[in-house]
């Protein structure tokens, strides 16, 4: 995150920063030669603002105090996501079921080589770079009544729906609720997969009340003081927050796997990030060394040479590999040189 931002700017910058953070973490896996991988569901709670970034199929749901259910993550399962299947095949991957011989195919759709049934994750470098770490990001603002956030791995959601998960733990404290959801899921299908759950209750503090004034005798200037403008900045901020429409607001949603679309931000957001710093790994780059995130795109000819954001050479290679423009095996050569 860029430094020296106020609260509103910080919240607005989160979606782009989370995309960069996910891709950088995936690069760290590669540099350490980690072949394992993981789904990630990452929630940032700032007051009434909730920002969720996710890859894989560990789902995040929210039940508002008004009783509405919001899905804050996307399932990146090849079985149920046509767009992701098309993206992988266009990038050079193959999608199909496990072939047991004799033409028989079983199980969910998987990406080959590797056999991963997800199209996005962090790690899994042995599968191919078209399994990308670029997250789906959604940002909402809760009403002042708050809500309940449930994050669970696929072993839970394969067994119970969002409605069942929320109903089975209604009225329980968050820690007890998480254990109850896992218990419910295991009762339905048994322990067949990773079954992990976190429950977070977001209960905003009550609106502070102004201290009662000390009793005074009425005298000169009393009416003047009664209508004097309040000077307390904190008081005006509190009033503003509670006078705004008290409903859940959906502020941001984006799921594209293309870094050029996810890192390209408009004014004034673009000005919060340093131009000559790699938009992913945050290393400083000289003006003549940065490579625009739009390089290689069909619209690149319409852009000016200094149009950012920019990537360092290493992150540009990562971007090209994810888009199928460079064989994923090349990354091992570049890492070892």
C-alpha atoms as a PDB file:
ATOM      1  CA  UNK A   1       0.000   0.000   0.000  1.00  0.00           C
ATOM      2  CA  UNK A   2       1.237   3.492  -0.751  1.00  0.00           C
ATOM      3  CA  UNK A   3       2.195   5.481   2.363  1.00  0.00           C
ATOM      4  CA  UNK A   4       0.568   8.665   3.651  1.00  0.00           C
ATOM      5  CA  UNK A   5      -2.998   7.948   2.536  1.00  0.00           C
ATOM      6  CA  UNK A   6      -6.075   9.035   4.413  1.00  0.00           C
ATOM      7  CA  UNK A   7      -8.718   6.445   5.260  1.00  0.00           C
ATOM      8  CA  UNK A   8     -10.830   6.887   2.122  1.00  0.00           C
ATOM      9  CA  UNK A   9      -7.772   6.757  -0.139  1.00  0.00           C
ATOM     10  CA  UNK A  10      -6.456   3.672   1.677  1.00  0.00           C
ATOM     11  CA  UNK A  11      -9.724   1.802   1.140  1.00  0.00           C
ATOM     12  CA  UNK A  12      -9.853   2.856  -2.527  1.00  0.00           C
ATOM     13  CA  UNK A  13      -6.267   1.684  -3.122  1.00  0.00           C
ATOM     14  CA  UNK A  14      -6.830  -1.764  -1.605  1.00  0.00           C
ATOM     15  CA  UNK A  15      -8.131  -3.628  -4.710  1.00  0.00           C
ATOM     16  CA  UNK A  16      -5.083  -2.762  -6.837  1.00  0.00           C
ATOM     17  CA  UNK A  17      -2.674  -3.376  -3.954  1.00  0.00           C
ATOM     18  CA  UNK A  18      -4.185  -6.815  -3.285  1.00  0.00           C
ATOM     19  CA  UNK A  19      -3.723  -7.848  -6.919  1.00  0.00           C
ATOM     20  CA  UNK A  20      -0.045  -6.857  -6.744  1.00  0.00           C
ATOM     21  CA  UNK A  21       0.367  -8.628  -3.396  1.00  0.00           C
ATOM     22  CA  UNK A  22      -1.083 -11.894  -4.691  1.00  0.00           C
ATOM     23  CA  UNK A  23       1.144 -11.909  -7.794  1.00  0.00           C
ATOM     24  CA  UNK A  24       4.237 -11.022  -5.756  1.00  0.00           C
ATOM     25  CA  UNK A  25       3.504 -13.836  -3.298  1.00  0.00           C
ATOM     26  CA  UNK A  26       3.223 -16.264  -6.201  1.00  0.00           C
ATOM     27  CA  UNK A  27       6.612 -15.078  -7.481  1.00  0.00           C
ATOM     28  CA  UNK A  28       8.068 -15.717  -4.031  1.00  0.00           C
ATOM     29  CA  UNK A  29       6.802 -19.327  -4.251  1.00  0.00           C
ATOM     30  CA  UNK A  30       8.587 -19.713  -7.586  1.00  0.00           C
ATOM     31  CA  UNK A  31      11.857 -18.255  -6.339  1.00  0.00           C
ATOM     32  CA  UNK A  32      11.863 -20.707  -3.434  1.00  0.00           C
ATOM     33  CA  UNK A  33      11.082 -23.598  -5.817  1.00  0.00           C
ATOM     34  CA  UNK A  34       7.903 -24.435  -3.906  1.00  0.00           C
ATOM     35  CA  UNK A  35       5.781 -26.816  -5.981  1.00  0.00           C
ATOM     36  CA  UNK A  36       2.878 -26.903  -3.547  1.00  0.00           C
ATOM     37  CA  UNK A  37       0.013 -24.464  -3.882  1.00  0.00           C
ATOM     38  CA  UNK A  38      -2.967 -23.063  -2.055  1.00  0.00           C
ATOM     39  CA  UNK A  39      -6.268 -21.319  -2.419  1.00  0.00           C
ATOM     40  CA  UNK A  40      -6.369 -17.903  -0.746  1.00  0.00           C
ATOM     41  CA  UNK A  41      -9.286 -15.905   0.595  1.00  0.00           C
ATOM     42  CA  UNK A  42      -8.007 -12.681   2.098  1.00  0.00           C
ATOM     43  CA  UNK A  43     -10.372 -10.300   3.898  1.00  0.00           C
ATOM     44  CA  UNK A  44      -9.482  -6.791   5.036  1.00  0.00           C
ATOM     45  CA  UNK A  45     -11.930  -5.150   7.433  1.00  0.00           C
ATOM     46  CA  UNK A  46     -11.610  -1.412   7.947  1.00  0.00           C
ATOM     47  CA  UNK A  47     -14.522  -0.148   9.991  1.00  0.00           C
ATOM     48  CA  UNK A  48     -17.614  -0.845   7.907  1.00  0.00           C
ATOM     49  CA  UNK A  49     -15.581  -1.476   4.730  1.00  0.00           C
ATOM     50  CA  UNK A  50     -14.885  -5.106   3.778  1.00  0.00           C
ATOM     51  CA  UNK A  51     -12.502  -5.957   0.934  1.00  0.00           C
ATOM     52  CA  UNK A  52     -12.068  -9.595  -0.089  1.00  0.00           C
ATOM     53  CA  UNK A  53      -9.522 -10.947  -2.579  1.00  0.00           C
ATOM     54  CA  UNK A  54      -9.650 -14.626  -3.544  1.00  0.00           C
ATOM     55  CA  UNK A  55      -8.151 -17.303  -5.779  1.00  0.00           C
ATOM     56  CA  UNK A  56      -9.392 -20.883  -5.773  1.00  0.00           C
ATOM     57  CA  UNK A  57     -12.586 -22.126  -4.149  1.00  0.00           C
ATOM     58  CA  UNK A  58     -12.415 -21.167  -0.468  1.00  0.00           C
ATOM     59  CA  UNK A  59     -15.606 -19.166  -0.435  1.00  0.00           C
ATOM     60  CA  UNK A  60     -16.409 -16.049   1.588  1.00  0.00           C
ATOM     61  CA  UNK A  61     -19.988 -15.026   2.335  1.00  0.00           C
ATOM     62  CA  UNK A  62     -21.524 -12.202   4.325  1.00  0.00           C
ATOM     63  CA  UNK A  63     -24.876 -12.070   6.021  1.00  0.00           C
ATOM     64  CA  UNK A  64     -25.888  -8.502   6.755  1.00  0.00           C
ATOM     65  CA  UNK A  65     -27.819  -7.610   9.880  1.00  0.00           C
ATOM     66  CA  UNK A  66     -30.788  -7.102   7.559  1.00  0.00           C
ATOM     67  CA  UNK A  67     -30.670 -10.807   6.634  1.00  0.00           C
ATOM     68  CA  UNK A  68     -29.313 -10.515   3.078  1.00  0.00           C
ATOM     69  CA  UNK A  69     -26.523 -12.836   1.871  1.00  0.00           C
ATOM     70  CA  UNK A  70     -23.621 -11.487  -0.196  1.00  0.00           C
ATOM     71  CA  UNK A  71     -21.039 -13.638  -1.979  1.00  0.00           C
ATOM     72  CA  UNK A  72     -17.682 -11.873  -1.668  1.00  0.00           C
ATOM     73  CA  UNK A  73     -15.516 -14.409  -3.515  1.00  0.00           C
ATOM     74  CA  UNK A  74     -15.612 -16.310  -6.804  1.00  0.00           C
ATOM     75  CA  UNK A  75     -15.106 -20.045  -7.315  1.00  0.00           C
ATOM     76  CA  UNK A  76     -12.255 -20.652  -9.760  1.00  0.00           C
ATOM     77  CA  UNK A  77     -13.216 -24.253 -10.451  1.00  0.00           C
ATOM     78  CA  UNK A  78     -12.762 -25.366 -14.036  1.00  0.00           C
ATOM     79  CA  UNK A  79     -15.918 -27.462 -13.752  1.00  0.00           C
ATOM     80  CA  UNK A  80     -18.172 -24.447 -13.361  1.00  0.00           C
ATOM     81  CA  UNK A  81     -16.304 -21.561 -14.994  1.00  0.00           C
ATOM     82  CA  UNK A  82     -16.411 -21.507 -18.795  1.00  0.00           C
ATOM     83  CA  UNK A  83     -14.436 -18.261 -19.098  1.00  0.00           C
ATOM     84  CA  UNK A  84     -11.540 -19.684 -17.090  1.00  0.00           C
ATOM     85  CA  UNK A  85     -11.480 -22.860 -19.208  1.00  0.00           C
ATOM     86  CA  UNK A  86     -11.293 -20.750 -22.367  1.00  0.00           C
ATOM     87  CA  UNK A  87      -8.526 -18.587 -20.889  1.00  0.00           C
ATOM     88  CA  UNK A  88      -6.390 -21.613 -20.000  1.00  0.00           C
ATOM     89  CA  UNK A  89      -6.746 -23.305 -23.389  1.00  0.00           C
ATOM     90  CA  UNK A  90      -5.999 -19.985 -25.136  1.00  0.00           C
ATOM     91  CA  UNK A  91      -2.805 -19.744 -23.034  1.00  0.00           C
ATOM     92  CA  UNK A  92      -1.621 -23.218 -24.050  1.00  0.00           C
ATOM     93  CA  UNK A  93      -3.027 -25.402 -21.288  1.00  0.00           C
ATOM     94  CA  UNK A  94      -5.264 -28.430 -21.662  1.00  0.00           C
ATOM     95  CA  UNK A  95      -8.522 -28.996 -19.804  1.00  0.00           C
ATOM     96  CA  UNK A  96     -10.071 -32.456 -19.377  1.00  0.00           C
ATOM     97  CA  UNK A  97     -11.069 -35.169 -16.948  1.00  0.00           C
ATOM     98  CA  UNK A  98      -8.824 -37.916 -15.632  1.00  0.00           C
ATOM     99  CA  UNK A  99      -8.488 -40.653 -18.238  1.00  0.00           C
ATOM    100  CA  UNK A 100      -8.444 -44.090 -16.656  1.00  0.00           C
ATOM    101  CA  UNK A 101      -7.748 -45.900 -19.911  1.00  0.00           C
ATOM    102  CA  UNK A 102     -10.035 -47.286 -22.557  1.00  0.00           C
ATOM    103  CA  UNK A 103     -11.561 -43.868 -23.114  1.00  0.00           C
ATOM    104  CA  UNK A 104     -13.195 -43.704 -19.670  1.00  0.00           C
ATOM    105  CA  UNK A 105     -12.984 -40.300 -17.965  1.00  0.00           C
ATOM    106  CA  UNK A 106     -13.775 -39.649 -14.319  1.00  0.00           C
ATOM    107  CA  UNK A 107     -13.824 -36.802 -11.807  1.00  0.00           C
ATOM    108  CA  UNK A 108     -13.991 -33.036 -12.270  1.00  0.00           C
ATOM    109  CA  UNK A 109     -12.395 -31.092 -15.097  1.00  0.00           C
ATOM    110  CA  UNK A 110      -8.695 -30.549 -14.502  1.00  0.00           C
ATOM    111  CA  UNK A 111      -5.854 -28.583 -16.038  1.00  0.00           C
ATOM    112  CA  UNK A 112      -3.038 -30.631 -17.581  1.00  0.00           C
ATOM    113  CA  UNK A 113      -0.207 -31.135 -16.939  1.00  0.00           C
ATOM    114  CA  UNK A 114      -0.591 -31.379 -13.182  1.00  0.00           C
ATOM    115  CA  UNK A 115      -4.246 -32.270 -12.881  1.00  0.00           C
ATOM    116  CA  UNK A 116      -5.323 -29.238 -10.833  1.00  0.00           C
ATOM    117  CA  UNK A 117      -9.087 -28.665 -10.847  1.00  0.00           C
ATOM    118  CA  UNK A 118      -8.687 -24.923 -10.157  1.00  0.00           C
ATOM    119  CA  UNK A 119      -7.779 -22.192 -12.622  1.00  0.00           C
ATOM    120  CA  UNK A 120      -6.296 -19.809 -10.044  1.00  0.00           C
ATOM    121  CA  UNK A 121      -4.132 -20.354  -6.990  1.00  0.00           C
ATOM    122  CA  UNK A 122      -0.895 -19.254  -5.381  1.00  0.00           C
ATOM    123  CA  UNK A 123       1.972 -21.651  -6.044  1.00  0.00           C
ATOM    124  CA  UNK A 124       1.414 -24.828  -8.094  1.00  0.00           C
ATOM    125  CA  UNK A 125       4.386 -23.916 -10.301  1.00  0.00           C
ATOM    126  CA  UNK A 126       4.587 -27.481 -11.613  1.00  0.00           C
ATOM    127  CA  UNK A 127       1.161 -27.146 -13.270  1.00  0.00           C
ATOM    128  CA  UNK A 128       1.856 -24.115 -15.449  1.00  0.00           C
ATOM    129  CA  UNK A 129       1.792 -20.327 -15.321  1.00  0.00           C
ATOM    130  CA  UNK A 130      -1.718 -20.203 -16.781  1.00  0.00           C
ATOM    131  CA  UNK A 131      -2.871 -21.176 -13.279  1.00  0.00           C
ATOM    132  CA  UNK A 132      -2.727 -17.525 -12.288  1.00  0.00           C
ATOM    133  CA  UNK A 133      -2.608 -15.808  -8.877  1.00  0.00           C
ATOM    134  CA  UNK A 134      -4.648 -12.764  -9.999  1.00  0.00           C
ATOM    135  CA  UNK A 135      -7.524 -12.542  -7.496  1.00  0.00           C
ATOM    136  CA  UNK A 136     -11.179 -11.759  -7.829  1.00  0.00           C
ATOM    137  CA  UNK A 137     -11.736  -8.708  -5.616  1.00  0.00           C
ATOM    138  CA  UNK A 138     -14.967  -7.410  -4.150  1.00  0.00           C
ATOM    139  CA  UNK A 139     -15.434  -4.471  -1.807  1.00  0.00           C
ATOM    140  CA  UNK A 140     -18.559  -3.500   0.107  1.00  0.00           C
ATOM    141  CA  UNK A 141     -19.583  -1.126   2.837  1.00  0.00           C
ATOM    142  CA  UNK A 142     -21.779  -2.551   5.582  1.00  0.00           C
ATOM    143  CA  UNK A 143     -24.684  -0.761   7.139  1.00  0.00           C
ATOM    144  CA  UNK A 144     -24.071   0.476  10.675  1.00  0.00           C
ATOM    145  CA  UNK A 145     -25.961  -2.593  11.929  1.00  0.00           C
ATOM    146  CA  UNK A 146     -22.985  -4.801  10.999  1.00  0.00           C
ATOM    147  CA  UNK A 147     -23.043  -8.410   9.831  1.00  0.00           C
ATOM    148  CA  UNK A 148     -21.458 -11.869   9.971  1.00  0.00           C
ATOM    149  CA  UNK A 149     -18.597 -12.960   7.717  1.00  0.00           C
ATOM    150  CA  UNK A 150     -17.999 -16.677   7.035  1.00  0.00           C
ATOM    151  CA  UNK A 151     -14.852 -17.918   5.234  1.00  0.00           C
ATOM    152  CA  UNK A 152     -14.566 -21.653   4.624  1.00  0.00           C
ATOM    153  CA  UNK A 153     -12.586 -24.059   2.486  1.00  0.00           C
ATOM    154  CA  UNK A 154     -14.223 -26.210  -0.186  1.00  0.00           C
ATOM    155  CA  UNK A 155     -14.834 -29.151   2.159  1.00  0.00           C
ATOM    156  CA  UNK A 156     -17.506 -27.053   3.863  1.00  0.00           C
ATOM    157  CA  UNK A 157     -19.163 -25.656   0.736  1.00  0.00           C
ATOM    158  CA  UNK A 158     -19.265 -29.047  -0.986  1.00  0.00           C
ATOM    159  CA  UNK A 159     -21.473 -30.215   1.874  1.00  0.00           C
ATOM    160  CA  UNK A 160     -23.634 -27.250   2.878  1.00  0.00           C
ATOM    161  CA  UNK A 161     -25.097 -24.167   1.230  1.00  0.00           C
ATOM    162  CA  UNK A 162     -24.590 -20.626   2.456  1.00  0.00           C
ATOM    163  CA  UNK A 163     -28.107 -20.611   3.908  1.00  0.00           C
ATOM    164  CA  UNK A 164     -27.562 -23.868   5.821  1.00  0.00           C
ATOM    165  CA  UNK A 165     -24.191 -22.693   7.142  1.00  0.00           C
ATOM    166  CA  UNK A 166     -25.669 -19.464   8.463  1.00  0.00           C
ATOM    167  CA  UNK A 167     -28.835 -21.042   9.865  1.00  0.00           C
ATOM    168  CA  UNK A 168     -27.034 -23.822  11.753  1.00  0.00           C
ATOM    169  CA  UNK A 169     -25.043 -21.342  13.857  1.00  0.00           C
ATOM    170  CA  UNK A 170     -27.517 -18.527  14.267  1.00  0.00           C
ATOM    171  CA  UNK A 171     -27.323 -16.869  17.671  1.00  0.00           C
ATOM    172  CA  UNK A 172     -23.943 -18.422  18.494  1.00  0.00           C
ATOM    173  CA  UNK A 173     -20.744 -16.549  19.251  1.00  0.00           C
ATOM    174  CA  UNK A 174     -18.308 -16.420  16.332  1.00  0.00           C
ATOM    175  CA  UNK A 175     -15.886 -19.077  17.629  1.00  0.00           C
ATOM    176  CA  UNK A 176     -18.704 -21.490  18.482  1.00  0.00           C
ATOM    177  CA  UNK A 177     -20.361 -20.745  15.142  1.00  0.00           C
ATOM    178  CA  UNK A 178     -17.246 -21.747  13.174  1.00  0.00           C
ATOM    179  CA  UNK A 179     -17.060 -25.103  14.981  1.00  0.00           C
ATOM    180  CA  UNK A 180     -20.771 -25.690  14.385  1.00  0.00           C
ATOM    181  CA  UNK A 181     -20.476 -25.063  10.633  1.00  0.00           C
ATOM    182  CA  UNK A 182     -17.609 -27.582  10.374  1.00  0.00           C
ATOM    183  CA  UNK A 183     -19.646 -30.095  12.412  1.00  0.00           C
ATOM    184  CA  UNK A 184     -22.624 -29.630  10.110  1.00  0.00           C
ATOM    185  CA  UNK A 185     -20.501 -30.136   6.994  1.00  0.00           C
ATOM    186  CA  UNK A 186     -18.856 -33.300   8.334  1.00  0.00           C
ATOM    187  CA  UNK A 187     -22.227 -34.770   9.335  1.00  0.00           C
ATOM    188  CA  UNK A 188     -23.494 -34.382   5.773  1.00  0.00           C
ATOM    189  CA  UNK A 189     -20.620 -35.950   3.825  1.00  0.00           C
ATOM    190  CA  UNK A 190     -18.034 -37.045   6.331  1.00  0.00           C
ATOM    191  CA  UNK A 191     -14.507 -35.668   6.400  1.00  0.00           C
ATOM    192  CA  UNK A 192     -13.595 -35.988   2.702  1.00  0.00           C
ATOM    193  CA  UNK A 193     -11.694 -32.779   2.105  1.00  0.00           C
ATOM    194  CA  UNK A 194     -10.139 -29.815   3.863  1.00  0.00           C
ATOM    195  CA  UNK A 195     -12.904 -28.528   6.139  1.00  0.00           C
ATOM    196  CA  UNK A 196     -11.856 -25.249   7.715  1.00  0.00           C
ATOM    197  CA  UNK A 197     -13.989 -22.304   8.797  1.00  0.00           C
ATOM    198  CA  UNK A 198     -13.557 -18.808  10.210  1.00  0.00           C
ATOM    199  CA  UNK A 199     -16.493 -16.701  11.431  1.00  0.00           C
ATOM    200  CA  UNK A 200     -16.138 -12.985  12.115  1.00  0.00           C
ATOM    201  CA  UNK A 201     -18.889 -10.856  13.603  1.00  0.00           C
ATOM    202  CA  UNK A 202     -18.594  -7.225  12.583  1.00  0.00           C
ATOM    203  CA  UNK A 203     -20.317  -5.210  15.263  1.00  0.00           C
ATOM    204  CA  UNK A 204     -19.706  -1.480  14.859  1.00  0.00           C
ATOM    205  CA  UNK A 205     -19.401   0.533  18.063  1.00  0.00           C
ATOM    206  CA  UNK A 206     -22.430   2.435  19.157  1.00  0.00           C
ATOM    207  CA  UNK A 207     -22.629   6.031  18.062  1.00  0.00           C
ATOM    208  CA  UNK A 208     -20.924   8.051  20.785  1.00  0.00           C
ATOM    209  CA  UNK A 209     -23.140  10.464  22.575  1.00  0.00           C
ATOM    210  CA  UNK A 210     -22.076  14.004  23.284  1.00  0.00           C
ATOM    211  CA  UNK A 211     -21.270  14.660  26.959  1.00  0.00           C
ATOM    212  CA  UNK A 212     -23.956  16.479  28.868  1.00  0.00           C
ATOM    213  CA  UNK A 213     -23.072  20.132  29.409  1.00  0.00           C
ATOM    214  CA  UNK A 214     -22.561  21.419  32.924  1.00  0.00           C
ATOM    215  CA  UNK A 215     -25.602  23.330  34.179  1.00  0.00           C
ATOM    216  CA  UNK A 216     -25.152  27.060  33.830  1.00  0.00           C
ATOM    217  CA  UNK A 217     -27.106  30.087  34.718  1.00  0.00           C
ATOM    218  CA  UNK A 218     -28.660  31.754  31.721  1.00  0.00           C
ATOM    219  CA  UNK A 219     -26.957  35.037  31.028  1.00  0.00           C
ATOM    220  CA  UNK A 220     -25.591  37.269  28.310  1.00  0.00           C
ATOM    221  CA  UNK A 221     -24.507  35.458  25.173  1.00  0.00           C
ATOM    222  CA  UNK A 222     -26.507  32.318  25.954  1.00  0.00           C
ATOM    223  CA  UNK A 223     -28.433  32.414  22.685  1.00  0.00           C
ATOM    224  CA  UNK A 224     -25.259  33.195  20.758  1.00  0.00           C
ATOM    225  CA  UNK A 225     -23.551  30.115  22.213  1.00  0.00           C
ATOM    226  CA  UNK A 226     -26.591  27.930  21.486  1.00  0.00           C
ATOM    227  CA  UNK A 227     -26.282  28.624  17.765  1.00  0.00           C
ATOM    228  CA  UNK A 228     -22.505  28.696  17.582  1.00  0.00           C
ATOM    229  CA  UNK A 229     -21.036  26.391  14.887  1.00  0.00           C
ATOM    230  CA  UNK A 230     -19.477  23.210  16.282  1.00  0.00           C
ATOM    231  CA  UNK A 231     -15.719  23.211  15.972  1.00  0.00           C
ATOM    232  CA  UNK A 232     -15.055  19.537  16.717  1.00  0.00           C
ATOM    233  CA  UNK A 233     -13.863  17.767  13.546  1.00  0.00           C
ATOM    234  CA  UNK A 234     -14.416  14.330  15.051  1.00  0.00           C
ATOM    235  CA  UNK A 235     -18.005  15.205  15.879  1.00  0.00           C
ATOM    236  CA  UNK A 236     -18.716  16.259  12.289  1.00  0.00           C
ATOM    237  CA  UNK A 237     -17.154  13.038  10.968  1.00  0.00           C
ATOM    238  CA  UNK A 238     -19.330  10.951  13.244  1.00  0.00           C
ATOM    239  CA  UNK A 239     -22.445  12.842  12.190  1.00  0.00           C
ATOM    240  CA  UNK A 240     -21.541  12.406   8.520  1.00  0.00           C
ATOM    241  CA  UNK A 241     -21.053   8.641   8.848  1.00  0.00           C
ATOM    242  CA  UNK A 242     -24.383   8.154  10.564  1.00  0.00           C
ATOM    243  CA  UNK A 243     -26.304  10.470   8.253  1.00  0.00           C
ATOM    244  CA  UNK A 244     -25.289   8.531   5.129  1.00  0.00           C
ATOM    245  CA  UNK A 245     -27.787   5.961   3.750  1.00  0.00           C
ATOM    246  CA  UNK A 246     -27.733   3.031   6.175  1.00  0.00           C
ATOM    247  CA  UNK A 247     -27.700   0.161   3.678  1.00  0.00           C
ATOM    248  CA  UNK A 248     -25.108  -2.286   2.376  1.00  0.00           C
ATOM    249  CA  UNK A 249     -23.273  -0.703  -0.562  1.00  0.00           C
ATOM    250  CA  UNK A 250     -21.353  -2.704  -3.169  1.00  0.00           C
ATOM    251  CA  UNK A 251     -18.389  -0.475  -4.034  1.00  0.00           C
ATOM    252  CA  UNK A 252     -16.099  -2.531  -6.279  1.00  0.00           C
ATOM    253  CA  UNK A 253     -16.018  -5.861  -8.118  1.00  0.00           C
ATOM    254  CA  UNK A 254     -13.481  -7.148 -10.659  1.00  0.00           C
ATOM    255  CA  UNK A 255     -12.356 -10.636 -11.640  1.00  0.00           C
ATOM    256  CA  UNK A 256     -10.300 -10.263 -14.827  1.00  0.00           C
ATOM    257  CA  UNK A 257      -7.142 -12.386 -14.987  1.00  0.00           C
ATOM    258  CA  UNK A 258      -5.329  -9.750 -17.090  1.00  0.00           C
ATOM    259  CA  UNK A 259      -2.786  -7.715 -15.128  1.00  0.00           C
ATOM    260  CA  UNK A 260      -3.030  -4.830 -17.591  1.00  0.00           C
ATOM    261  CA  UNK A 261      -6.700  -4.432 -16.654  1.00  0.00           C
ATOM    262  CA  UNK A 262      -6.225  -4.903 -12.921  1.00  0.00           C
ATOM    263  CA  UNK A 263      -3.259  -2.579 -12.394  1.00  0.00           C
ATOM    264  CA  UNK A 264      -4.393   0.225 -14.720  1.00  0.00           C
ATOM    265  CA  UNK A 265      -6.215   2.666 -12.449  1.00  0.00           C
ATOM    266  CA  UNK A 266      -7.874   5.961 -13.270  1.00  0.00           C
ATOM    267  CA  UNK A 267      -7.415   9.387 -11.733  1.00  0.00           C
ATOM    268  CA  UNK A 268      -7.191  10.113  -8.818  1.00  0.00           C
ATOM    269  CA  UNK A 269      -6.355   6.559  -7.739  1.00  0.00           C
ATOM    270  CA  UNK A 270      -3.446   6.259 -10.168  1.00  0.00           C
ATOM    271  CA  UNK A 271      -1.727   9.227  -8.501  1.00  0.00           C
ATOM    272  CA  UNK A 272      -1.581   7.382  -5.165  1.00  0.00           C
ATOM    273  CA  UNK A 273       0.934   4.890  -6.590  1.00  0.00           C
ATOM    274  CA  UNK A 274       4.465   5.892  -7.575  1.00  0.00           C
ATOM    275  CA  UNK A 275       4.853   5.814 -11.347  1.00  0.00           C
ATOM    276  CA  UNK A 276       8.477   4.631 -11.553  1.00  0.00           C
ATOM    277  CA  UNK A 277       8.091   1.722  -9.189  1.00  0.00           C
ATOM    278  CA  UNK A 278       7.190  -1.792 -10.338  1.00  0.00           C
ATOM    279  CA  UNK A 279       3.445  -2.103  -9.896  1.00  0.00           C
ATOM    280  CA  UNK A 280       3.859  -5.687  -8.624  1.00  0.00           C
ATOM    281  CA  UNK A 281       7.075  -6.158  -6.640  1.00  0.00           C
ATOM    282  CA  UNK A 282       7.493  -2.467  -5.671  1.00  0.00           C
ATOM    283  CA  UNK A 283      11.169  -2.163  -6.666  1.00  0.00           C
ATOM    284  CA  UNK A 284      12.189   1.230  -7.979  1.00  0.00           C
ATOM    285  CA  UNK A 285      12.852   1.351 -11.713  1.00  0.00           C
ATOM    286  CA  UNK A 286      14.498   3.987 -13.888  1.00  0.00           C
ATOM    287  CA  UNK A 287      12.236   5.834 -16.336  1.00  0.00           C
ATOM    288  CA  UNK A 288      13.876   4.119 -19.315  1.00  0.00           C
ATOM    289  CA  UNK A 289      13.762   0.631 -17.758  1.00  0.00           C
ATOM    290  CA  UNK A 290      10.087   0.242 -16.892  1.00  0.00           C
ATOM    291  CA  UNK A 291       7.846  -1.803 -19.182  1.00  0.00           C
ATOM    292  CA  UNK A 292       4.232  -0.677 -19.452  1.00  0.00           C
ATOM    293  CA  UNK A 293       1.637  -3.197 -18.284  1.00  0.00           C
ATOM    294  CA  UNK A 294      -0.031  -2.541 -21.638  1.00  0.00           C
ATOM    295  CA  UNK A 295       2.964  -3.717 -23.679  1.00  0.00           C
ATOM    296  CA  UNK A 296       1.858  -6.365 -26.143  1.00  0.00           C
ATOM    297  CA  UNK A 297      -1.843  -5.520 -25.897  1.00  0.00           C
ATOM    298  CA  UNK A 298      -3.920  -4.537 -28.908  1.00  0.00           C
ATOM    299  CA  UNK A 299      -4.443  -1.033 -27.497  1.00  0.00           C
ATOM    300  CA  UNK A 300      -0.771  -0.395 -26.761  1.00  0.00           C
ATOM    301  CA  UNK A 301      -0.325   1.616 -29.976  1.00  0.00           C
ATOM    302  CA  UNK A 302      -2.891   4.146 -28.748  1.00  0.00           C
ATOM    303  CA  UNK A 303      -0.990   4.787 -25.522  1.00  0.00           C
ATOM    304  CA  UNK A 304       1.885   7.182 -24.952  1.00  0.00           C
ATOM    305  CA  UNK A 305       5.326   5.723 -24.109  1.00  0.00           C
ATOM    306  CA  UNK A 306       5.152   7.151 -20.611  1.00  0.00           C
ATOM    307  CA  UNK A 307       1.711   5.730 -19.849  1.00  0.00           C
ATOM    308  CA  UNK A 308       2.020   3.466 -16.821  1.00  0.00           C
ATOM    309  CA  UNK A 309       1.837   1.671 -14.609  1.00  0.00           C
ATOM    310  CA  UNK A 310       5.164  -0.041 -15.236  1.00  0.00           C
ATOM    311  CA  UNK A 311       6.691  -3.433 -14.469  1.00  0.00           C
ATOM    312  CA  UNK A 312      10.270  -4.494 -13.907  1.00  0.00           C
ATOM    313  CA  UNK A 313      11.699  -7.075 -16.325  1.00  0.00           C
ATOM    314  CA  UNK A 314      11.067  -9.974 -13.946  1.00  0.00           C
ATOM    315  CA  UNK A 315       7.415  -9.076 -13.431  1.00  0.00           C
ATOM    316  CA  UNK A 316       6.934  -8.451 -17.144  1.00  0.00           C
ATOM    317  CA  UNK A 317       8.191 -11.999 -17.814  1.00  0.00           C
ATOM    318  CA  UNK A 318       5.730 -13.251 -15.204  1.00  0.00           C
ATOM    319  CA  UNK A 319       2.892 -11.385 -16.921  1.00  0.00           C
ATOM    320  CA  UNK A 320       3.801 -12.788 -20.345  1.00  0.00           C
ATOM    321  CA  UNK A 321       3.953 -16.340 -18.982  1.00  0.00           C
ATOM    322  CA  UNK A 322       0.515 -16.003 -17.377  1.00  0.00           C
ATOM    323  CA  UNK A 323      -0.874 -14.832 -20.712  1.00  0.00           C
ATOM    324  CA  UNK A 324       0.713 -17.736 -22.597  1.00  0.00           C
ATOM    325  CA  UNK A 325       3.142 -15.470 -24.463  1.00  0.00           C
ATOM    326  CA  UNK A 326       6.238 -17.150 -23.003  1.00  0.00           C
ATOM    327  CA  UNK A 327       6.706 -20.856 -22.183  1.00  0.00           C
ATOM    328  CA  UNK A 328       6.277 -21.280 -18.445  1.00  0.00           C
ATOM    329  CA  UNK A 329       9.408 -23.431 -18.271  1.00  0.00           C
ATOM    330  CA  UNK A 330      11.495 -20.361 -19.153  1.00  0.00           C
ATOM    331  CA  UNK A 331      11.043 -19.014 -15.643  1.00  0.00           C
ATOM    332  CA  UNK A 332      13.341 -21.687 -14.252  1.00  0.00           C
ATOM    333  CA  UNK A 333      16.075 -20.646 -16.689  1.00  0.00           C
ATOM    334  CA  UNK A 334      15.733 -16.975 -15.822  1.00  0.00           C
ATOM    335  CA  UNK A 335      15.715 -17.762 -12.086  1.00  0.00           C
ATOM    336  CA  UNK A 336      18.900 -19.816 -12.287  1.00  0.00           C
ATOM    337  CA  UNK A 337      20.899 -17.356 -14.449  1.00  0.00           C
END
